[in-house]
Protein backbone atom coordinates (compact mmCIF):
# COMPACT_ATOMS: atom_id res chain seq x y z
CA UNK A 1 0.00 0.00 0.00
CA UNK A 2 1.36 3.39 -0.92
CA UNK A 3 1.10 6.29 1.49
CA UNK A 4 -1.18 9.00 0.17
CA UNK A 5 -2.30 12.47 1.11
CA UNK A 6 -5.23 12.26 3.51
CA UNK A 7 -6.95 15.09 1.65
CA UNK A 8 -7.17 13.07 -1.58
CA UNK A 9 -10.00 10.54 -1.89
CA UNK A 10 -10.77 7.86 -4.42
CA UNK A 11 -14.25 7.64 -5.91
CA UNK A 12 -14.93 4.58 -3.72
CA UNK A 13 -13.89 6.45 -0.57
CA UNK A 14 -16.07 9.43 -1.46
CA UNK A 15 -19.06 7.19 -2.18
CA UNK A 16 -18.51 5.19 1.02
CA UNK A 17 -18.39 8.34 3.17
CA UNK A 18 -21.47 9.95 1.65
CA UNK A 19 -23.41 6.68 1.56
CA UNK A 20 -22.65 6.04 5.23
CA UNK A 21 -23.91 9.49 6.22
CA UNK A 22 -26.98 9.19 4.00
CA UNK A 23 -27.84 5.81 5.51
CA UNK A 24 -27.37 7.11 9.04
CA UNK A 25 -29.82 9.94 8.44
CA UNK A 26 -32.08 7.86 6.15
CA UNK A 27 -31.58 10.17 3.22
CA UNK A 28 -32.05 8.71 -0.27
CA UNK A 29 -28.71 8.46 -2.04
CA UNK A 30 -27.78 7.75 -5.67
CA UNK A 31 -24.08 7.04 -6.22
CA UNK A 32 -24.29 7.57 -9.98
CA UNK A 33 -25.90 10.97 -9.54
CA UNK A 34 -23.33 12.00 -6.95
CA UNK A 35 -20.46 11.16 -9.30
CA UNK A 36 -22.16 13.18 -12.07
CA UNK A 37 -22.56 16.21 -9.79
CA UNK A 38 -19.04 16.03 -8.38
CA UNK A 39 -16.40 15.19 -10.99
CA UNK A 40 -12.87 14.13 -9.98
CA UNK A 41 -10.47 14.83 -8.42
CA UNK A 42 -12.09 14.06 -5.07
CA UNK A 43 -11.03 15.56 -1.77
CA UNK A 44 -12.28 16.16 1.74
CA UNK A 45 -13.85 19.36 0.42
CA UNK A 46 -15.78 17.28 -2.15
CA UNK A 47 -17.01 15.01 0.64
CA UNK A 48 -18.22 17.99 2.66
CA UNK A 49 -19.91 19.58 -0.36
CA UNK A 50 -21.63 16.29 -1.22
CA UNK A 51 -22.88 15.95 2.36
CA UNK A 52 -24.15 19.53 2.26
CA UNK A 53 -25.96 18.76 -1.02
CA UNK A 54 -27.88 16.11 0.96
CA UNK A 55 -28.83 18.74 3.55
CA UNK A 56 -26.18 17.80 6.13
CA UNK A 57 -23.75 20.09 7.90
CA UNK A 58 -20.07 19.39 7.64
CA UNK A 59 -16.73 20.86 8.55
CA UNK A 60 -13.17 19.64 8.52
CA UNK A 61 -11.06 19.62 11.66
CA UNK A 62 -8.00 17.87 12.92
CA UNK A 63 -8.31 15.70 16.00
CA UNK A 64 -5.63 17.72 17.77
CA UNK A 65 -7.57 20.97 17.33
CA UNK A 66 -10.74 19.63 18.98
CA UNK A 67 -11.72 18.92 22.54
CA UNK A 68 -13.98 15.93 23.08
CA UNK A 69 -16.74 18.21 24.28
CA UNK A 70 -16.66 20.01 20.91
CA UNK A 71 -17.41 16.86 18.93
CA UNK A 72 -21.00 16.58 17.83
CA UNK A 73 -21.83 13.05 16.73
CA UNK A 74 -22.07 11.64 14.23
CA UNK A 75 -18.54 12.21 13.03
CA UNK A 76 -16.82 10.78 10.00
CA UNK A 77 -13.18 10.14 10.88
CA UNK A 78 -10.59 9.60 8.17
CA UNK A 79 -7.45 7.88 9.39
CA UNK A 80 -4.13 7.94 7.59
CA UNK A 81 -3.24 4.71 5.80
CA UNK A 82 -1.02 2.25 7.64
CA UNK A 83 2.59 2.14 6.62
CA UNK A 84 3.49 -1.13 4.97
CA UNK A 85 5.97 -1.98 7.73
CA UNK A 86 3.24 -1.55 10.37
CA UNK A 87 1.07 -4.32 8.90
CA UNK A 88 2.14 -7.77 10.11
CA UNK A 89 2.42 -10.41 7.45
CA UNK A 90 0.12 -13.29 8.26
CA UNK A 91 0.44 -16.71 6.76
CA UNK A 92 -3.05 -18.29 6.66
CA UNK A 93 -1.42 -21.72 7.02
CA UNK A 94 -0.02 -20.80 10.44
CA UNK A 95 -2.71 -18.51 11.85
CA UNK A 96 -3.87 -19.90 15.16
CA UNK A 97 -1.28 -22.68 15.07
CA UNK A 98 0.74 -23.26 18.20
CA UNK A 99 3.78 -25.37 18.78
CA UNK A 100 4.22 -27.65 21.75
CA UNK A 101 7.18 -26.65 23.93
CA UNK A 102 10.33 -28.38 22.75
CA UNK A 103 8.80 -29.52 19.46
CA UNK A 104 11.06 -27.26 17.44
CA UNK A 105 8.38 -26.96 14.81
CA UNK A 106 9.73 -29.98 12.96
CA UNK A 107 6.44 -31.87 12.89
CA UNK A 108 4.94 -32.71 9.51
CA UNK A 109 1.49 -31.47 8.58
CA UNK A 110 -1.21 -34.08 9.09
CA UNK A 111 -2.51 -35.47 5.80
CA UNK A 112 -5.90 -34.31 4.68
CA UNK A 113 -8.71 -36.80 5.35
CA UNK A 114 -9.60 -36.49 1.66
CA UNK A 115 -6.05 -37.07 0.41
CA UNK A 116 -5.91 -39.76 -2.26
CA UNK A 117 -9.67 -39.84 -2.81
CA UNK A 118 -10.70 -39.24 -6.38
CA UNK A 119 -13.80 -37.41 -7.50
CA UNK A 120 -16.47 -39.46 -8.70
C-alpha atoms as a PDB file:
ATOM      1  CA  UNK A   1       0.000   0.000   0.000  1.00  0.00           C
ATOM      2  CA  UNK A   2       1.364   3.391  -0.919  1.00  0.00           C
ATOM      3  CA  UNK A   3       1.099   6.285   1.492  1.00  0.00           C
ATOM      4  CA  UNK A   4      -1.182   9.000   0.170  1.00  0.00           C
ATOM      5  CA  UNK A   5      -2.302  12.467   1.108  1.00  0.00           C
ATOM      6  CA  UNK A   6      -5.234  12.258   3.514  1.00  0.00           C
ATOM      7  CA  UNK A   7      -6.950  15.089   1.653  1.00  0.00           C
ATOM      8  CA  UNK A   8      -7.172  13.070  -1.581  1.00  0.00           C
ATOM      9  CA  UNK A   9     -10.000  10.544  -1.892  1.00  0.00           C
ATOM     10  CA  UNK A  10     -10.766   7.855  -4.424  1.00  0.00           C
ATOM     11  CA  UNK A  11     -14.252   7.639  -5.912  1.00  0.00           C
ATOM     12  CA  UNK A  12     -14.932   4.584  -3.720  1.00  0.00           C
ATOM     13  CA  UNK A  13     -13.894   6.454  -0.567  1.00  0.00           C
ATOM     14  CA  UNK A  14     -16.073   9.431  -1.463  1.00  0.00           C
ATOM     15  CA  UNK A  15     -19.060   7.188  -2.176  1.00  0.00           C
ATOM     16  CA  UNK A  16     -18.508   5.189   1.020  1.00  0.00           C
ATOM     17  CA  UNK A  17     -18.394   8.338   3.172  1.00  0.00           C
ATOM     18  CA  UNK A  18     -21.468   9.955   1.646  1.00  0.00           C
ATOM     19  CA  UNK A  19     -23.413   6.677   1.558  1.00  0.00           C
ATOM     20  CA  UNK A  20     -22.652   6.044   5.233  1.00  0.00           C
ATOM     21  CA  UNK A  21     -23.907   9.491   6.223  1.00  0.00           C
ATOM     22  CA  UNK A  22     -26.983   9.189   4.003  1.00  0.00           C
ATOM     23  CA  UNK A  23     -27.835   5.806   5.509  1.00  0.00           C
ATOM     24  CA  UNK A  24     -27.367   7.110   9.044  1.00  0.00           C
ATOM     25  CA  UNK A  25     -29.824   9.937   8.436  1.00  0.00           C
ATOM     26  CA  UNK A  26     -32.076   7.855   6.152  1.00  0.00           C
ATOM     27  CA  UNK A  27     -31.581  10.174   3.218  1.00  0.00           C
ATOM     28  CA  UNK A  28     -32.050   8.715  -0.272  1.00  0.00           C
ATOM     29  CA  UNK A  29     -28.708   8.458  -2.042  1.00  0.00           C
ATOM     30  CA  UNK A  30     -27.780   7.751  -5.672  1.00  0.00           C
ATOM     31  CA  UNK A  31     -24.084   7.044  -6.215  1.00  0.00           C
ATOM     32  CA  UNK A  32     -24.286   7.570  -9.980  1.00  0.00           C
ATOM     33  CA  UNK A  33     -25.904  10.973  -9.545  1.00  0.00           C
ATOM     34  CA  UNK A  34     -23.327  12.005  -6.946  1.00  0.00           C
ATOM     35  CA  UNK A  35     -20.455  11.160  -9.296  1.00  0.00           C
ATOM     36  CA  UNK A  36     -22.159  13.181 -12.067  1.00  0.00           C
ATOM     37  CA  UNK A  37     -22.562  16.206  -9.788  1.00  0.00           C
ATOM     38  CA  UNK A  38     -19.042  16.026  -8.377  1.00  0.00           C
ATOM     39  CA  UNK A  39     -16.399  15.190 -10.987  1.00  0.00           C
ATOM     40  CA  UNK A  40     -12.874  14.126  -9.979  1.00  0.00           C
ATOM     41  CA  UNK A  41     -10.472  14.831  -8.415  1.00  0.00           C
ATOM     42  CA  UNK A  42     -12.091  14.057  -5.065  1.00  0.00           C
ATOM     43  CA  UNK A  43     -11.026  15.565  -1.771  1.00  0.00           C
ATOM     44  CA  UNK A  44     -12.285  16.160   1.740  1.00  0.00           C
ATOM     45  CA  UNK A  45     -13.849  19.357   0.425  1.00  0.00           C
ATOM     46  CA  UNK A  46     -15.782  17.279  -2.150  1.00  0.00           C
ATOM     47  CA  UNK A  47     -17.006  15.010   0.635  1.00  0.00           C
ATOM     48  CA  UNK A  48     -18.222  17.995   2.663  1.00  0.00           C
ATOM     49  CA  UNK A  49     -19.912  19.583  -0.359  1.00  0.00           C
ATOM     50  CA  UNK A  50     -21.630  16.294  -1.223  1.00  0.00           C
ATOM     51  CA  UNK A  51     -22.881  15.955   2.361  1.00  0.00           C
ATOM     52  CA  UNK A  52     -24.150  19.526   2.255  1.00  0.00           C
ATOM     53  CA  UNK A  53     -25.960  18.759  -1.021  1.00  0.00           C
ATOM     54  CA  UNK A  54     -27.876  16.112   0.962  1.00  0.00           C
ATOM     55  CA  UNK A  55     -28.827  18.742   3.553  1.00  0.00           C
ATOM     56  CA  UNK A  56     -26.184  17.797   6.128  1.00  0.00           C
ATOM     57  CA  UNK A  57     -23.752  20.090   7.895  1.00  0.00           C
ATOM     58  CA  UNK A  58     -20.075  19.388   7.641  1.00  0.00           C
ATOM     59  CA  UNK A  59     -16.726  20.858   8.552  1.00  0.00           C
ATOM     60  CA  UNK A  60     -13.170  19.639   8.515  1.00  0.00           C
ATOM     61  CA  UNK A  61     -11.057  19.622  11.662  1.00  0.00           C
ATOM     62  CA  UNK A  62      -7.997  17.870  12.922  1.00  0.00           C
ATOM     63  CA  UNK A  63      -8.315  15.704  15.998  1.00  0.00           C
ATOM     64  CA  UNK A  64      -5.627  17.722  17.773  1.00  0.00           C
ATOM     65  CA  UNK A  65      -7.568  20.971  17.334  1.00  0.00           C
ATOM     66  CA  UNK A  66     -10.739  19.634  18.982  1.00  0.00           C
ATOM     67  CA  UNK A  67     -11.719  18.921  22.538  1.00  0.00           C
ATOM     68  CA  UNK A  68     -13.982  15.927  23.082  1.00  0.00           C
ATOM     69  CA  UNK A  69     -16.740  18.213  24.278  1.00  0.00           C
ATOM     70  CA  UNK A  70     -16.657  20.010  20.913  1.00  0.00           C
ATOM     71  CA  UNK A  71     -17.407  16.859  18.934  1.00  0.00           C
ATOM     72  CA  UNK A  72     -20.997  16.578  17.832  1.00  0.00           C
ATOM     73  CA  UNK A  73     -21.828  13.053  16.734  1.00  0.00           C
ATOM     74  CA  UNK A  74     -22.070  11.641  14.230  1.00  0.00           C
ATOM     75  CA  UNK A  75     -18.535  12.211  13.028  1.00  0.00           C
ATOM     76  CA  UNK A  76     -16.816  10.782  10.001  1.00  0.00           C
ATOM     77  CA  UNK A  77     -13.177  10.141  10.880  1.00  0.00           C
ATOM     78  CA  UNK A  78     -10.587   9.604   8.174  1.00  0.00           C
ATOM     79  CA  UNK A  79      -7.451   7.879   9.389  1.00  0.00           C
ATOM     80  CA  UNK A  80      -4.126   7.939   7.586  1.00  0.00           C
ATOM     81  CA  UNK A  81      -3.241   4.713   5.797  1.00  0.00           C
ATOM     82  CA  UNK A  82      -1.025   2.246   7.637  1.00  0.00           C
ATOM     83  CA  UNK A  83       2.589   2.144   6.618  1.00  0.00           C
ATOM     84  CA  UNK A  84       3.495  -1.132   4.967  1.00  0.00           C
ATOM     85  CA  UNK A  85       5.972  -1.981   7.732  1.00  0.00           C
ATOM     86  CA  UNK A  86       3.235  -1.554  10.373  1.00  0.00           C
ATOM     87  CA  UNK A  87       1.074  -4.319   8.898  1.00  0.00           C
ATOM     88  CA  UNK A  88       2.138  -7.770  10.107  1.00  0.00           C
ATOM     89  CA  UNK A  89       2.420 -10.406   7.447  1.00  0.00           C
ATOM     90  CA  UNK A  90       0.118 -13.285   8.261  1.00  0.00           C
ATOM     91  CA  UNK A  91       0.438 -16.710   6.760  1.00  0.00           C
ATOM     92  CA  UNK A  92      -3.046 -18.289   6.664  1.00  0.00           C
ATOM     93  CA  UNK A  93      -1.425 -21.717   7.019  1.00  0.00           C
ATOM     94  CA  UNK A  94      -0.016 -20.798  10.442  1.00  0.00           C
ATOM     95  CA  UNK A  95      -2.713 -18.512  11.849  1.00  0.00           C
ATOM     96  CA  UNK A  96      -3.870 -19.900  15.156  1.00  0.00           C
ATOM     97  CA  UNK A  97      -1.280 -22.683  15.068  1.00  0.00           C
ATOM     98  CA  UNK A  98       0.743 -23.256  18.201  1.00  0.00           C
ATOM     99  CA  UNK A  99       3.784 -25.367  18.785  1.00  0.00           C
ATOM    100  CA  UNK A 100       4.224 -27.645  21.746  1.00  0.00           C
ATOM    101  CA  UNK A 101       7.179 -26.651  23.931  1.00  0.00           C
ATOM    102  CA  UNK A 102      10.325 -28.384  22.754  1.00  0.00           C
ATOM    103  CA  UNK A 103       8.804 -29.519  19.464  1.00  0.00           C
ATOM    104  CA  UNK A 104      11.061 -27.257  17.444  1.00  0.00           C
ATOM    105  CA  UNK A 105       8.377 -26.958  14.813  1.00  0.00           C
ATOM    106  CA  UNK A 106       9.728 -29.979  12.963  1.00  0.00           C
ATOM    107  CA  UNK A 107       6.442 -31.866  12.886  1.00  0.00           C
ATOM    108  CA  UNK A 108       4.942 -32.707   9.512  1.00  0.00           C
ATOM    109  CA  UNK A 109       1.489 -31.473   8.575  1.00  0.00           C
ATOM    110  CA  UNK A 110      -1.212 -34.081   9.089  1.00  0.00           C
ATOM    111  CA  UNK A 111      -2.508 -35.470   5.803  1.00  0.00           C
ATOM    112  CA  UNK A 112      -5.905 -34.312   4.675  1.00  0.00           C
ATOM    113  CA  UNK A 113      -8.710 -36.797   5.354  1.00  0.00           C
ATOM    114  CA  UNK A 114      -9.603 -36.489   1.660  1.00  0.00           C
ATOM    115  CA  UNK A 115      -6.050 -37.072   0.409  1.00  0.00           C
ATOM    116  CA  UNK A 116      -5.913 -39.759  -2.258  1.00  0.00           C
ATOM    117  CA  UNK A 117      -9.668 -39.842  -2.806  1.00  0.00           C
ATOM    118  CA  UNK A 118     -10.697 -39.235  -6.385  1.00  0.00           C
ATOM    119  CA  UNK A 119     -13.801 -37.411  -7.495  1.00  0.00           C
ATOM    120  CA  UNK A 120     -16.469 -39.459  -8.702  1.00  0.00           C
END
